[in-house]
mmCIF file of all heavy atoms, coordinates in Angstrom:
data_MODEL
# 
_entry.id   MODEL 
# 
loop_
_atom_site.group_PDB 
_atom_site.id 
_atom_site.type_symbol 
_atom_site.label_atom_id 
_atom_site.label_alt_id 
_atom_site.label_comp_id 
_atom_site.label_asym_id 
_atom_site.label_entity_id 
_atom_site.label_seq_id 
_atom_site.pdbx_PDB_ins_code 
_atom_site.Cartn_x 
_atom_site.Cartn_y 
_atom_site.Cartn_z 
_atom_site.occupancy 
_atom_site.B_iso_or_equiv 
_atom_site.pdbx_formal_charge 
_atom_site.auth_seq_id 
_atom_site.auth_comp_id 
_atom_site.auth_asym_id 
_atom_site.auth_atom_id 
_atom_site.pdbx_PDB_model_num 
ATOM 1   N N   . ARG A 1 1  ? 0.840  -1.158  -0.009  1.00 0.00 ? 1  ARG A N   1 
ATOM 2   C CA  . ARG A 1 1  ? 0.020  -0.031  0.018   1.00 0.00 ? 1  ARG A CA  1 
ATOM 3   C C   . ARG A 1 1  ? 0.881  1.311   0.020   1.00 0.00 ? 1  ARG A C   1 
ATOM 4   O O   . ARG A 1 1  ? 0.531  2.178   -0.671  1.00 0.00 ? 1  ARG A O   1 
ATOM 5   C CB  . ARG A 1 1  ? -0.969 -0.011  1.187   1.00 0.00 ? 1  ARG A CB  1 
ATOM 6   C CG  . ARG A 1 1  ? -2.130 -0.904  1.035   1.00 0.00 ? 1  ARG A CG  1 
ATOM 7   C CD  . ARG A 1 1  ? -3.209 -0.735  2.100   1.00 0.00 ? 1  ARG A CD  1 
ATOM 8   N NE  . ARG A 1 1  ? -3.795 0.655   2.072   1.00 0.00 ? 1  ARG A NE  1 
ATOM 9   C CZ  . ARG A 1 1  ? -4.685 1.061   2.914   1.00 0.00 ? 1  ARG A CZ  1 
ATOM 10  N NH1 . ARG A 1 1  ? -5.235 0.309   3.831   1.00 0.00 ? 1  ARG A NH1 1 
ATOM 11  N NH2 . ARG A 1 1  ? -5.184 2.289   2.762   1.00 0.00 ? 1  ARG A NH2 1 
ATOM 12  N N   . SER A 1 2  ? 1.922  1.220   0.713   1.00 0.00 ? 2  SER A N   1 
ATOM 13  C CA  . SER A 1 2  ? 2.780  2.477   0.712   1.00 0.00 ? 2  SER A CA  1 
ATOM 14  C C   . SER A 1 2  ? 3.739  2.514   -0.410  1.00 0.00 ? 2  SER A C   1 
ATOM 15  O O   . SER A 1 2  ? 3.956  3.635   -0.995  1.00 0.00 ? 2  SER A O   1 
ATOM 16  C CB  . SER A 1 2  ? 3.511  2.510   2.147   1.00 0.00 ? 2  SER A CB  1 
ATOM 17  O OG  . SER A 1 2  ? 4.211  1.403   2.438   1.00 0.00 ? 2  SER A OG  1 
ATOM 18  N N   . PHE A 1 3  ? 4.280  1.341   -0.852  1.00 0.00 ? 3  PHE A N   1 
ATOM 19  C CA  . PHE A 1 3  ? 5.241  1.415   -1.947  1.00 0.00 ? 3  PHE A CA  1 
ATOM 20  C C   . PHE A 1 3  ? 4.545  1.629   -3.298  1.00 0.00 ? 3  PHE A C   1 
ATOM 21  O O   . PHE A 1 3  ? 4.771  2.682   -4.011  1.00 0.00 ? 3  PHE A O   1 
ATOM 22  C CB  . PHE A 1 3  ? 6.065  0.056   -2.120  1.00 0.00 ? 3  PHE A CB  1 
ATOM 23  C CG  . PHE A 1 3  ? 7.119  0.101   -3.118  1.00 0.00 ? 3  PHE A CG  1 
ATOM 24  C CD1 . PHE A 1 3  ? 8.344  0.694   -2.767  1.00 0.00 ? 3  PHE A CD1 1 
ATOM 25  C CD2 . PHE A 1 3  ? 6.936  -0.333  -4.368  1.00 0.00 ? 3  PHE A CD2 1 
ATOM 26  C CE1 . PHE A 1 3  ? 9.366  0.719   -3.732  1.00 0.00 ? 3  PHE A CE1 1 
ATOM 27  C CE2 . PHE A 1 3  ? 7.987  -0.357  -5.315  1.00 0.00 ? 3  PHE A CE2 1 
ATOM 28  C CZ  . PHE A 1 3  ? 9.169  0.220   -4.942  1.00 0.00 ? 3  PHE A CZ  1 
ATOM 29  N N   . TYR A 1 4  ? 3.486  0.828   -3.578  1.00 0.00 ? 4  TYR A N   1 
ATOM 30  C CA  . TYR A 1 4  ? 2.797  1.085   -4.868  1.00 0.00 ? 4  TYR A CA  1 
ATOM 31  C C   . TYR A 1 4  ? 1.777  2.210   -4.715  1.00 0.00 ? 4  TYR A C   1 
ATOM 32  O O   . TYR A 1 4  ? 1.404  2.843   -5.768  1.00 0.00 ? 4  TYR A O   1 
ATOM 33  C CB  . TYR A 1 4  ? 2.155  -0.228  -5.360  1.00 0.00 ? 4  TYR A CB  1 
ATOM 34  C CG  . TYR A 1 4  ? 3.152  -1.154  -6.004  1.00 0.00 ? 4  TYR A CG  1 
ATOM 35  C CD1 . TYR A 1 4  ? 3.855  -2.060  -5.256  1.00 0.00 ? 4  TYR A CD1 1 
ATOM 36  C CD2 . TYR A 1 4  ? 3.500  -0.865  -7.341  1.00 0.00 ? 4  TYR A CD2 1 
ATOM 37  C CE1 . TYR A 1 4  ? 4.835  -2.799  -5.878  1.00 0.00 ? 4  TYR A CE1 1 
ATOM 38  C CE2 . TYR A 1 4  ? 4.481  -1.676  -7.936  1.00 0.00 ? 4  TYR A CE2 1 
ATOM 39  C CZ  . TYR A 1 4  ? 5.172  -2.625  -7.201  1.00 0.00 ? 4  TYR A CZ  1 
ATOM 40  O OH  . TYR A 1 4  ? 6.205  -3.366  -7.845  1.00 0.00 ? 4  TYR A OH  1 
ATOM 41  N N   . GLY A 1 5  ? 1.326  2.523   -3.547  1.00 0.00 ? 5  GLY A N   1 
ATOM 42  C CA  . GLY A 1 5  ? 0.512  3.713   -3.349  1.00 0.00 ? 5  GLY A CA  1 
ATOM 43  C C   . GLY A 1 5  ? 1.200  4.932   -3.729  1.00 0.00 ? 5  GLY A C   1 
ATOM 44  O O   . GLY A 1 5  ? 0.714  5.851   -4.347  1.00 0.00 ? 5  GLY A O   1 
ATOM 45  N N   . GLY A 1 6  ? 2.601  4.948   -3.481  1.00 0.00 ? 6  GLY A N   1 
ATOM 46  C CA  . GLY A 1 6  ? 3.390  6.095   -3.872  1.00 0.00 ? 6  GLY A CA  1 
ATOM 47  C C   . GLY A 1 6  ? 3.628  6.144   -5.386  1.00 0.00 ? 6  GLY A C   1 
ATOM 48  O O   . GLY A 1 6  ? 3.868  7.254   -5.951  1.00 0.00 ? 6  GLY A O   1 
ATOM 49  N N   . ILE A 1 7  ? 3.558  5.009   -5.986  1.00 0.00 ? 7  ILE A N   1 
ATOM 50  C CA  . ILE A 1 7  ? 3.678  4.985   -7.515  1.00 0.00 ? 7  ILE A CA  1 
ATOM 51  C C   . ILE A 1 7  ? 2.342  5.352   -8.243  1.00 0.00 ? 7  ILE A C   1 
ATOM 52  O O   . ILE A 1 7  ? 2.358  6.154   -9.127  1.00 0.00 ? 7  ILE A O   1 
ATOM 53  C CB  . ILE A 1 7  ? 4.203  3.626   -7.927  1.00 0.00 ? 7  ILE A CB  1 
ATOM 54  C CG1 . ILE A 1 7  ? 5.541  3.292   -7.369  1.00 0.00 ? 7  ILE A CG1 1 
ATOM 55  C CG2 . ILE A 1 7  ? 4.121  3.489   -9.486  1.00 0.00 ? 7  ILE A CG2 1 
ATOM 56  C CD1 . ILE A 1 7  ? 5.982  1.861   -7.537  1.00 0.00 ? 7  ILE A CD1 1 
ATOM 57  N N   . PHE A 1 8  ? 1.290  4.745   -7.693  1.00 0.00 ? 8  PHE A N   1 
ATOM 58  C CA  . PHE A 1 8  ? -0.050 5.021   -8.368  1.00 0.00 ? 8  PHE A CA  1 
ATOM 59  C C   . PHE A 1 8  ? -0.660 6.301   -7.771  1.00 0.00 ? 8  PHE A C   1 
ATOM 60  O O   . PHE A 1 8  ? -1.682 6.725   -8.355  1.00 0.00 ? 8  PHE A O   1 
ATOM 61  C CB  . PHE A 1 8  ? -1.008 3.823   -8.101  1.00 0.00 ? 8  PHE A CB  1 
ATOM 62  C CG  . PHE A 1 8  ? -0.432 2.460   -8.473  1.00 0.00 ? 8  PHE A CG  1 
ATOM 63  C CD1 . PHE A 1 8  ? -0.827 1.287   -7.879  1.00 0.00 ? 8  PHE A CD1 1 
ATOM 64  C CD2 . PHE A 1 8  ? 0.392  2.399   -9.644  1.00 0.00 ? 8  PHE A CD2 1 
ATOM 65  C CE1 . PHE A 1 8  ? -0.410 0.053   -8.396  1.00 0.00 ? 8  PHE A CE1 1 
ATOM 66  C CE2 . PHE A 1 8  ? 0.801  1.108   -10.094 1.00 0.00 ? 8  PHE A CE2 1 
ATOM 67  C CZ  . PHE A 1 8  ? 0.463  -0.013  -9.475  1.00 0.00 ? 8  PHE A CZ  1 
ATOM 68  N N   . LEU A 1 9  ? -0.198 6.764   -6.709  1.00 0.00 ? 9  LEU A N   1 
ATOM 69  C CA  . LEU A 1 9  ? -0.786 7.903   -5.985  1.00 0.00 ? 9  LEU A CA  1 
ATOM 70  C C   . LEU A 1 9  ? -2.221 7.631   -5.466  1.00 0.00 ? 9  LEU A C   1 
ATOM 71  O O   . LEU A 1 9  ? -3.076 8.535   -5.463  1.00 0.00 ? 9  LEU A O   1 
ATOM 72  C CB  . LEU A 1 9  ? -0.726 9.124   -6.813  1.00 0.00 ? 9  LEU A CB  1 
ATOM 73  C CG  . LEU A 1 9  ? 0.632  9.643   -7.343  1.00 0.00 ? 9  LEU A CG  1 
ATOM 74  C CD1 . LEU A 1 9  ? 0.565  10.916  -8.085  1.00 0.00 ? 9  LEU A CD1 1 
ATOM 75  C CD2 . LEU A 1 9  ? 1.587  9.702   -6.183  1.00 0.00 ? 9  LEU A CD2 1 
ATOM 76  N N   . GLU A 1 10 ? -2.385 6.383   -5.139  1.00 0.00 ? 10 GLU A N   1 
ATOM 77  C CA  . GLU A 1 10 ? -3.689 5.951   -4.429  1.00 0.00 ? 10 GLU A CA  1 
ATOM 78  C C   . GLU A 1 10 ? -3.292 4.727   -3.650  1.00 0.00 ? 10 GLU A C   1 
ATOM 79  O O   . GLU A 1 10 ? -2.684 3.811   -4.219  1.00 0.00 ? 10 GLU A O   1 
ATOM 80  C CB  . GLU A 1 10 ? -4.782 5.791   -5.324  1.00 0.00 ? 10 GLU A CB  1 
ATOM 81  C CG  . GLU A 1 10 ? -4.545 4.875   -6.471  1.00 0.00 ? 10 GLU A CG  1 
ATOM 82  C CD  . GLU A 1 10 ? -4.993 3.360   -6.090  1.00 0.00 ? 10 GLU A CD  1 
ATOM 83  O OE1 . GLU A 1 10 ? -5.574 3.188   -5.064  1.00 0.00 ? 10 GLU A OE1 1 
ATOM 84  O OE2 . GLU A 1 10 ? -4.546 2.422   -6.935  1.00 0.00 ? 10 GLU A OE2 1 
ATOM 85  N N   . ASP A 1 11 ? -3.640 4.692   -2.372  1.00 0.00 ? 11 ASP A N   1 
ATOM 86  C CA  . ASP A 1 11 ? -3.201 3.520   -1.531  1.00 0.00 ? 11 ASP A CA  1 
ATOM 87  C C   . ASP A 1 11 ? -4.300 2.483   -1.239  1.00 0.00 ? 11 ASP A C   1 
ATOM 88  O O   . ASP A 1 11 ? -4.059 1.532   -0.454  1.00 0.00 ? 11 ASP A O   1 
ATOM 89  C CB  . ASP A 1 11 ? -2.617 3.996   -0.148  1.00 0.00 ? 11 ASP A CB  1 
ATOM 90  C CG  . ASP A 1 11 ? -3.581 4.804   0.662   1.00 0.00 ? 11 ASP A CG  1 
ATOM 91  O OD1 . ASP A 1 11 ? -4.781 4.952   0.216   1.00 0.00 ? 11 ASP A OD1 1 
ATOM 92  O OD2 . ASP A 1 11 ? -3.164 5.303   1.771   1.00 0.00 ? 11 ASP A OD2 1 
ATOM 93  N N   . GLU A 1 12 ? -5.423 2.612   -1.959  1.00 0.00 ? 12 GLU A N   1 
ATOM 94  C CA  . GLU A 1 12 ? -6.436 1.620   -1.915  1.00 0.00 ? 12 GLU A CA  1 
ATOM 95  C C   . GLU A 1 12 ? -6.079 0.465   -2.915  1.00 0.00 ? 12 GLU A C   1 
ATOM 96  O O   . GLU A 1 12 ? -6.765 -0.598  -2.893  1.00 0.00 ? 12 GLU A O   1 
ATOM 97  C CB  . GLU A 1 12 ? -7.800 2.158   -2.122  1.00 0.00 ? 12 GLU A CB  1 
ATOM 98  C CG  . GLU A 1 12 ? -8.286 3.066   -1.057  1.00 0.00 ? 12 GLU A CG  1 
ATOM 99  C CD  . GLU A 1 12 ? -8.401 2.476   0.348   1.00 0.00 ? 12 GLU A CD  1 
ATOM 100 O OE1 . GLU A 1 12 ? -8.893 1.310   0.350   1.00 0.00 ? 12 GLU A OE1 1 
ATOM 101 O OE2 . GLU A 1 12 ? -7.924 3.119   1.279   1.00 0.00 ? 12 GLU A OE2 1 
ATOM 102 N N   . LEU A 1 13 ? -5.133 0.722   -3.769  1.00 0.00 ? 13 LEU A N   1 
ATOM 103 C CA  . LEU A 1 13 ? -4.621 -0.139  -4.802  1.00 0.00 ? 13 LEU A CA  1 
ATOM 104 C C   . LEU A 1 13 ? -5.786 -0.654  -5.765  1.00 0.00 ? 13 LEU A C   1 
ATOM 105 O O   . LEU A 1 13 ? -5.942 -1.800  -6.037  1.00 0.00 ? 13 LEU A O   1 
ATOM 106 C CB  . LEU A 1 13 ? -3.976 -1.404  -4.115  1.00 0.00 ? 13 LEU A CB  1 
ATOM 107 C CG  . LEU A 1 13 ? -2.840 -1.066  -3.177  1.00 0.00 ? 13 LEU A CG  1 
ATOM 108 C CD1 . LEU A 1 13 ? -2.187 -2.399  -2.631  1.00 0.00 ? 13 LEU A CD1 1 
ATOM 109 C CD2 . LEU A 1 13 ? -1.759 -0.277  -3.920  1.00 0.00 ? 13 LEU A CD2 1 
ATOM 110 N N   . THR A 1 14 ? -6.537 0.410   -6.148  1.00 0.00 ? 14 THR A N   1 
ATOM 111 C CA  . THR A 1 14 ? -7.643 0.154   -7.161  1.00 0.00 ? 14 THR A CA  1 
ATOM 112 C C   . THR A 1 14 ? -7.127 0.261   -8.495  1.00 0.00 ? 14 THR A C   1 
ATOM 113 O O   . THR A 1 14 ? -7.886 -0.026  -9.481  1.00 0.00 ? 14 THR A O   1 
ATOM 114 C CB  . THR A 1 14 ? -8.716 1.168   -6.933  1.00 0.00 ? 14 THR A CB  1 
ATOM 115 O OG1 . THR A 1 14 ? -8.262 2.508   -7.101  1.00 0.00 ? 14 THR A OG1 1 
ATOM 116 C CG2 . THR A 1 14 ? -9.349 1.063   -5.562  1.00 0.00 ? 14 THR A CG2 1 
ATOM 117 N N   . THR A 1 15 ? -5.849 0.568   -8.751  1.00 0.00 ? 15 THR A N   1 
ATOM 118 C CA  . THR A 1 15 ? -5.233 0.672   -10.090 1.00 0.00 ? 15 THR A CA  1 
ATOM 119 C C   . THR A 1 15 ? -5.263 -0.708  -10.741 1.00 0.00 ? 15 THR A C   1 
ATOM 120 O O   . THR A 1 15 ? -5.154 -1.729  -10.116 1.00 0.00 ? 15 THR A O   1 
ATOM 121 C CB  . THR A 1 15 ? -3.815 1.186   -9.992  1.00 0.00 ? 15 THR A CB  1 
ATOM 122 O OG1 . THR A 1 15 ? -3.858 2.577   -9.529  1.00 0.00 ? 15 THR A OG1 1 
ATOM 123 C CG2 . THR A 1 15 ? -3.077 1.230   -11.391 1.00 0.00 ? 15 THR A CG2 1 
ATOM 124 N N   . SER A 1 16 ? -5.380 -0.759  -12.047 1.00 0.00 ? 16 SER A N   1 
ATOM 125 C CA  . SER A 1 16 ? -5.378 -2.009  -12.814 1.00 0.00 ? 16 SER A CA  1 
ATOM 126 C C   . SER A 1 16 ? -4.227 -2.890  -12.502 1.00 0.00 ? 16 SER A C   1 
ATOM 127 O O   . SER A 1 16 ? -3.048 -2.433  -12.473 1.00 0.00 ? 16 SER A O   1 
ATOM 128 C CB  . SER A 1 16 ? -5.448 -1.705  -14.285 1.00 0.00 ? 16 SER A CB  1 
ATOM 129 O OG  . SER A 1 16 ? -5.193 -2.914  -15.052 1.00 0.00 ? 16 SER A OG  1 
ATOM 130 N N   . SER A 1 17 ? -4.465 -4.185  -12.477 1.00 0.00 ? 17 SER A N   1 
ATOM 131 C CA  . SER A 1 17 ? -3.409 -5.147  -12.161 1.00 0.00 ? 17 SER A CA  1 
ATOM 132 C C   . SER A 1 17 ? -2.381 -5.238  -13.369 1.00 0.00 ? 17 SER A C   1 
ATOM 133 O O   . SER A 1 17 ? -1.275 -5.637  -13.181 1.00 0.00 ? 17 SER A O   1 
ATOM 134 C CB  . SER A 1 17 ? -3.973 -6.620  -11.913 1.00 0.00 ? 17 SER A CB  1 
ATOM 135 O OG  . SER A 1 17 ? -4.918 -7.011  -13.034 1.00 0.00 ? 17 SER A OG  1 
ATOM 136 N N   . ARG A 1 18 ? -2.918 -4.840  -14.542 1.00 0.00 ? 18 ARG A N   1 
ATOM 137 C CA  . ARG A 1 18 ? -1.954 -4.843  -15.728 1.00 0.00 ? 18 ARG A CA  1 
ATOM 138 C C   . ARG A 1 18 ? -0.774 -3.832  -15.396 1.00 0.00 ? 18 ARG A C   1 
ATOM 139 O O   . ARG A 1 18 ? 0.304  -4.063  -15.709 1.00 0.00 ? 18 ARG A O   1 
ATOM 140 C CB  . ARG A 1 18 ? -2.643 -4.496  -16.979 1.00 0.00 ? 18 ARG A CB  1 
ATOM 141 C CG  . ARG A 1 18 ? -3.691 -5.572  -17.470 1.00 0.00 ? 18 ARG A CG  1 
ATOM 142 C CD  . ARG A 1 18 ? -4.371 -5.039  -18.701 1.00 0.00 ? 18 ARG A CD  1 
ATOM 143 N NE  . ARG A 1 18 ? -5.369 -6.017  -19.163 1.00 0.00 ? 18 ARG A NE  1 
ATOM 144 C CZ  . ARG A 1 18 ? -6.183 -5.810  -20.190 1.00 0.00 ? 18 ARG A CZ  1 
ATOM 145 N NH1 . ARG A 1 18 ? -6.160 -4.741  -20.814 1.00 0.00 ? 18 ARG A NH1 1 
ATOM 146 N NH2 . ARG A 1 18 ? -7.005 -6.836  -20.518 1.00 0.00 ? 18 ARG A NH2 1 
ATOM 147 N N   . ILE A 1 19 ? -1.223 -2.644  -14.927 1.00 0.00 ? 19 ILE A N   1 
ATOM 148 C CA  . ILE A 1 19 ? -0.190 -1.582  -14.643 1.00 0.00 ? 19 ILE A CA  1 
ATOM 149 C C   . ILE A 1 19 ? 0.677  -2.098  -13.465 1.00 0.00 ? 19 ILE A C   1 
ATOM 150 O O   . ILE A 1 19 ? 1.871  -1.812  -13.566 1.00 0.00 ? 19 ILE A O   1 
ATOM 151 C CB  . ILE A 1 19 ? -0.866 -0.261  -14.408 1.00 0.00 ? 19 ILE A CB  1 
ATOM 152 C CG1 . ILE A 1 19 ? -1.652 0.170   -15.624 1.00 0.00 ? 19 ILE A CG1 1 
ATOM 153 C CG2 . ILE A 1 19 ? 0.099  0.743   -13.888 1.00 0.00 ? 19 ILE A CG2 1 
ATOM 154 C CD1 . ILE A 1 19 ? -2.362 1.471   -15.556 1.00 0.00 ? 19 ILE A CD1 1 
ATOM 155 N N   . PHE A 1 20 ? 0.114  -2.701  -12.488 1.00 0.00 ? 20 PHE A N   1 
ATOM 156 C CA  . PHE A 1 20 ? 0.960  -3.319  -11.465 1.00 0.00 ? 20 PHE A CA  1 
ATOM 157 C C   . PHE A 1 20 ? 1.969  -4.255  -11.995 1.00 0.00 ? 20 PHE A C   1 
ATOM 158 O O   . PHE A 1 20 ? 3.093  -4.210  -11.635 1.00 0.00 ? 20 PHE A O   1 
ATOM 159 C CB  . PHE A 1 20 ? 0.086  -3.977  -10.332 1.00 0.00 ? 20 PHE A CB  1 
ATOM 160 C CG  . PHE A 1 20 ? 0.894  -4.769  -9.354  1.00 0.00 ? 20 PHE A CG  1 
ATOM 161 C CD1 . PHE A 1 20 ? 1.641  -4.157  -8.357  1.00 0.00 ? 20 PHE A CD1 1 
ATOM 162 C CD2 . PHE A 1 20 ? 1.042  -6.177  -9.485  1.00 0.00 ? 20 PHE A CD2 1 
ATOM 163 C CE1 . PHE A 1 20 ? 2.369  -4.922  -7.459  1.00 0.00 ? 20 PHE A CE1 1 
ATOM 164 C CE2 . PHE A 1 20 ? 1.785  -6.955  -8.647  1.00 0.00 ? 20 PHE A CE2 1 
ATOM 165 C CZ  . PHE A 1 20 ? 2.515  -6.278  -7.603  1.00 0.00 ? 20 PHE A CZ  1 
ATOM 166 N N   . GLU A 1 21 ? 1.534  -5.230  -12.784 1.00 0.00 ? 21 GLU A N   1 
ATOM 167 C CA  . GLU A 1 21 ? 2.395  -6.215  -13.367 1.00 0.00 ? 21 GLU A CA  1 
ATOM 168 C C   . GLU A 1 21 ? 3.558  -5.579  -14.170 1.00 0.00 ? 21 GLU A C   1 
ATOM 169 O O   . GLU A 1 21 ? 4.685  -5.966  -14.008 1.00 0.00 ? 21 GLU A O   1 
ATOM 170 C CB  . GLU A 1 21 ? 1.659  -7.289  -14.219 1.00 0.00 ? 21 GLU A CB  1 
ATOM 171 C CG  . GLU A 1 21 ? 0.848  -8.267  -13.493 1.00 0.00 ? 21 GLU A CG  1 
ATOM 172 C CD  . GLU A 1 21 ? 0.427  -9.458  -14.354 1.00 0.00 ? 21 GLU A CD  1 
ATOM 173 O OE1 . GLU A 1 21 ? 0.287  -9.241  -15.592 1.00 0.00 ? 21 GLU A OE1 1 
ATOM 174 O OE2 . GLU A 1 21 ? 0.196  -10.509 -13.796 1.00 0.00 ? 21 GLU A OE2 1 
ATOM 175 N N   . PHE A 1 22 ? 3.143  -4.585  -14.967 1.00 0.00 ? 22 PHE A N   1 
ATOM 176 C CA  . PHE A 1 22 ? 4.199  -3.932  -15.820 1.00 0.00 ? 22 PHE A CA  1 
ATOM 177 C C   . PHE A 1 22 ? 5.168  -3.215  -14.943 1.00 0.00 ? 22 PHE A C   1 
ATOM 178 O O   . PHE A 1 22 ? 6.408  -3.379  -15.159 1.00 0.00 ? 22 PHE A O   1 
ATOM 179 C CB  . PHE A 1 22 ? 3.455  -2.915  -16.753 1.00 0.00 ? 22 PHE A CB  1 
ATOM 180 C CG  . PHE A 1 22 ? 4.400  -1.982  -17.474 1.00 0.00 ? 22 PHE A CG  1 
ATOM 181 C CD1 . PHE A 1 22 ? 5.217  -2.505  -18.447 1.00 0.00 ? 22 PHE A CD1 1 
ATOM 182 C CD2 . PHE A 1 22 ? 4.552  -0.652  -17.147 1.00 0.00 ? 22 PHE A CD2 1 
ATOM 183 C CE1 . PHE A 1 22 ? 6.085  -1.602  -19.208 1.00 0.00 ? 22 PHE A CE1 1 
ATOM 184 C CE2 . PHE A 1 22 ? 5.454  0.198   -17.803 1.00 0.00 ? 22 PHE A CE2 1 
ATOM 185 C CZ  . PHE A 1 22 ? 6.199  -0.377  -18.811 1.00 0.00 ? 22 PHE A CZ  1 
ATOM 186 N N   . THR A 1 23 ? 4.709  -2.422  -13.996 1.00 0.00 ? 23 THR A N   1 
ATOM 187 C CA  . THR A 1 23 ? 5.604  -1.782  -13.054 1.00 0.00 ? 23 THR A CA  1 
ATOM 188 C C   . THR A 1 23 ? 6.505  -2.665  -12.274 1.00 0.00 ? 23 THR A C   1 
ATOM 189 O O   . THR A 1 23 ? 7.740  -2.390  -12.146 1.00 0.00 ? 23 THR A O   1 
ATOM 190 C CB  . THR A 1 23 ? 4.811  -0.880  -12.089 1.00 0.00 ? 23 THR A CB  1 
ATOM 191 O OG1 . THR A 1 23 ? 3.884  -0.057  -12.886 1.00 0.00 ? 23 THR A OG1 1 
ATOM 192 C CG2 . THR A 1 23 ? 5.709  0.147   -11.271 1.00 0.00 ? 23 THR A CG2 1 
ATOM 193 N N   . PHE A 1 24 ? 5.903  -3.712  -11.733 1.00 0.00 ? 24 PHE A N   1 
ATOM 194 C CA  . PHE A 1 24 ? 6.737  -4.734  -11.010 1.00 0.00 ? 24 PHE A CA  1 
ATOM 195 C C   . PHE A 1 24 ? 7.846  -5.285  -11.876 1.00 0.00 ? 24 PHE A C   1 
ATOM 196 O O   . PHE A 1 24 ? 8.986  -5.468  -11.506 1.00 0.00 ? 24 PHE A O   1 
ATOM 197 C CB  . PHE A 1 24 ? 5.850  -5.836  -10.491 1.00 0.00 ? 24 PHE A CB  1 
ATOM 198 C CG  . PHE A 1 24 ? 6.462  -6.746  -9.449  1.00 0.00 ? 24 PHE A CG  1 
ATOM 199 C CD1 . PHE A 1 24 ? 6.221  -6.545  -8.058  1.00 0.00 ? 24 PHE A CD1 1 
ATOM 200 C CD2 . PHE A 1 24 ? 7.434  -7.727  -9.833  1.00 0.00 ? 24 PHE A CD2 1 
ATOM 201 C CE1 . PHE A 1 24 ? 6.842  -7.401  -7.099  1.00 0.00 ? 24 PHE A CE1 1 
ATOM 202 C CE2 . PHE A 1 24 ? 7.998  -8.574  -8.882  1.00 0.00 ? 24 PHE A CE2 1 
ATOM 203 C CZ  . PHE A 1 24 ? 7.744  -8.436  -7.545  1.00 0.00 ? 24 PHE A CZ  1 
ATOM 204 N N   . LYS A 1 25 ? 7.470  -5.637  -13.132 1.00 0.00 ? 25 LYS A N   1 
ATOM 205 C CA  . LYS A 1 25 ? 8.485  -6.204  -14.043 1.00 0.00 ? 25 LYS A CA  1 
ATOM 206 C C   . LYS A 1 25 ? 9.585  -5.239  -14.331 1.00 0.00 ? 25 LYS A C   1 
ATOM 207 O O   . LYS A 1 25 ? 10.752 -5.606  -14.436 1.00 0.00 ? 25 LYS A O   1 
ATOM 208 C CB  . LYS A 1 25 ? 7.727  -6.581  -15.410 1.00 0.00 ? 25 LYS A CB  1 
ATOM 209 C CG  . LYS A 1 25 ? 8.687  -7.246  -16.405 1.00 0.00 ? 25 LYS A CG  1 
ATOM 210 C CD  . LYS A 1 25 ? 7.823  -7.506  -17.656 1.00 0.00 ? 25 LYS A CD  1 
ATOM 211 C CE  . LYS A 1 25 ? 8.725  -8.044  -18.838 1.00 0.00 ? 25 LYS A CE  1 
ATOM 212 N NZ  . LYS A 1 25 ? 8.985  -9.531  -18.542 1.00 0.00 ? 25 LYS A NZ  1 
ATOM 213 N N   . MET A 1 26 ? 9.245  -3.951  -14.523 1.00 0.00 ? 26 MET A N   1 
ATOM 214 C CA  . MET A 1 26 ? 10.293 -2.907  -14.790 1.00 0.00 ? 26 MET A CA  1 
ATOM 215 C C   . MET A 1 26 ? 11.199 -2.784  -13.589 1.00 0.00 ? 26 MET A C   1 
ATOM 216 O O   . MET A 1 26 ? 12.422 -2.654  -13.770 1.00 0.00 ? 26 MET A O   1 
ATOM 217 C CB  . MET A 1 26 ? 9.638  -1.562  -15.080 1.00 0.00 ? 26 MET A CB  1 
ATOM 218 C CG  . MET A 1 26 ? 8.797  -1.542  -16.338 1.00 0.00 ? 26 MET A CG  1 
ATOM 219 S SD  . MET A 1 26 ? 9.720  -1.836  -17.791 1.00 0.00 ? 26 MET A SD  1 
ATOM 220 C CE  . MET A 1 26 ? 9.338  -3.651  -18.173 1.00 0.00 ? 26 MET A CE  1 
ATOM 221 N N   . PHE A 1 27 ? 10.729 -2.837  -12.336 1.00 0.00 ? 27 PHE A N   1 
ATOM 222 C CA  . PHE A 1 27 ? 11.572 -2.817  -11.145 1.00 0.00 ? 27 PHE A CA  1 
ATOM 223 C C   . PHE A 1 27 ? 12.427 -4.014  -11.117 1.00 0.00 ? 27 PHE A C   1 
ATOM 224 O O   . PHE A 1 27 ? 13.638 -3.963  -10.674 1.00 0.00 ? 27 PHE A O   1 
ATOM 225 C CB  . PHE A 1 27 ? 10.764 -2.680  -9.889  1.00 0.00 ? 27 PHE A CB  1 
ATOM 226 C CG  . PHE A 1 27 ? 10.323 -1.260  -9.546  1.00 0.00 ? 27 PHE A CG  1 
ATOM 227 C CD1 . PHE A 1 27 ? 9.030  -0.861  -9.616  1.00 0.00 ? 27 PHE A CD1 1 
ATOM 228 C CD2 . PHE A 1 27 ? 11.220 -0.408  -9.008  1.00 0.00 ? 27 PHE A CD2 1 
ATOM 229 C CE1 . PHE A 1 27 ? 8.654  0.418   -9.271  1.00 0.00 ? 27 PHE A CE1 1 
ATOM 230 C CE2 . PHE A 1 27 ? 10.919 0.931   -8.678  1.00 0.00 ? 27 PHE A CE2 1 
ATOM 231 C CZ  . PHE A 1 27 ? 9.568  1.263   -8.832  1.00 0.00 ? 27 PHE A CZ  1 
ATOM 232 N N   . ALA A 1 28 ? 11.920 -5.115  -11.491 1.00 0.00 ? 28 ALA A N   1 
ATOM 233 C CA  . ALA A 1 28 ? 12.737 -6.343  -11.441 1.00 0.00 ? 28 ALA A CA  1 
ATOM 234 C C   . ALA A 1 28 ? 13.822 -6.388  -12.488 1.00 0.00 ? 28 ALA A C   1 
ATOM 235 O O   . ALA A 1 28 ? 14.915 -6.984  -12.297 1.00 0.00 ? 28 ALA A O   1 
ATOM 236 C CB  . ALA A 1 28 ? 11.807 -7.584  -11.588 1.00 0.00 ? 28 ALA A CB  1 
# 
């Protein structure tokens, strides 16, 4: 919630899982 909340600028994590997967892959 705090790490990806800071990326998406929302901490309920309602952002699409596609964007999460893409961002996680880029960090990896």
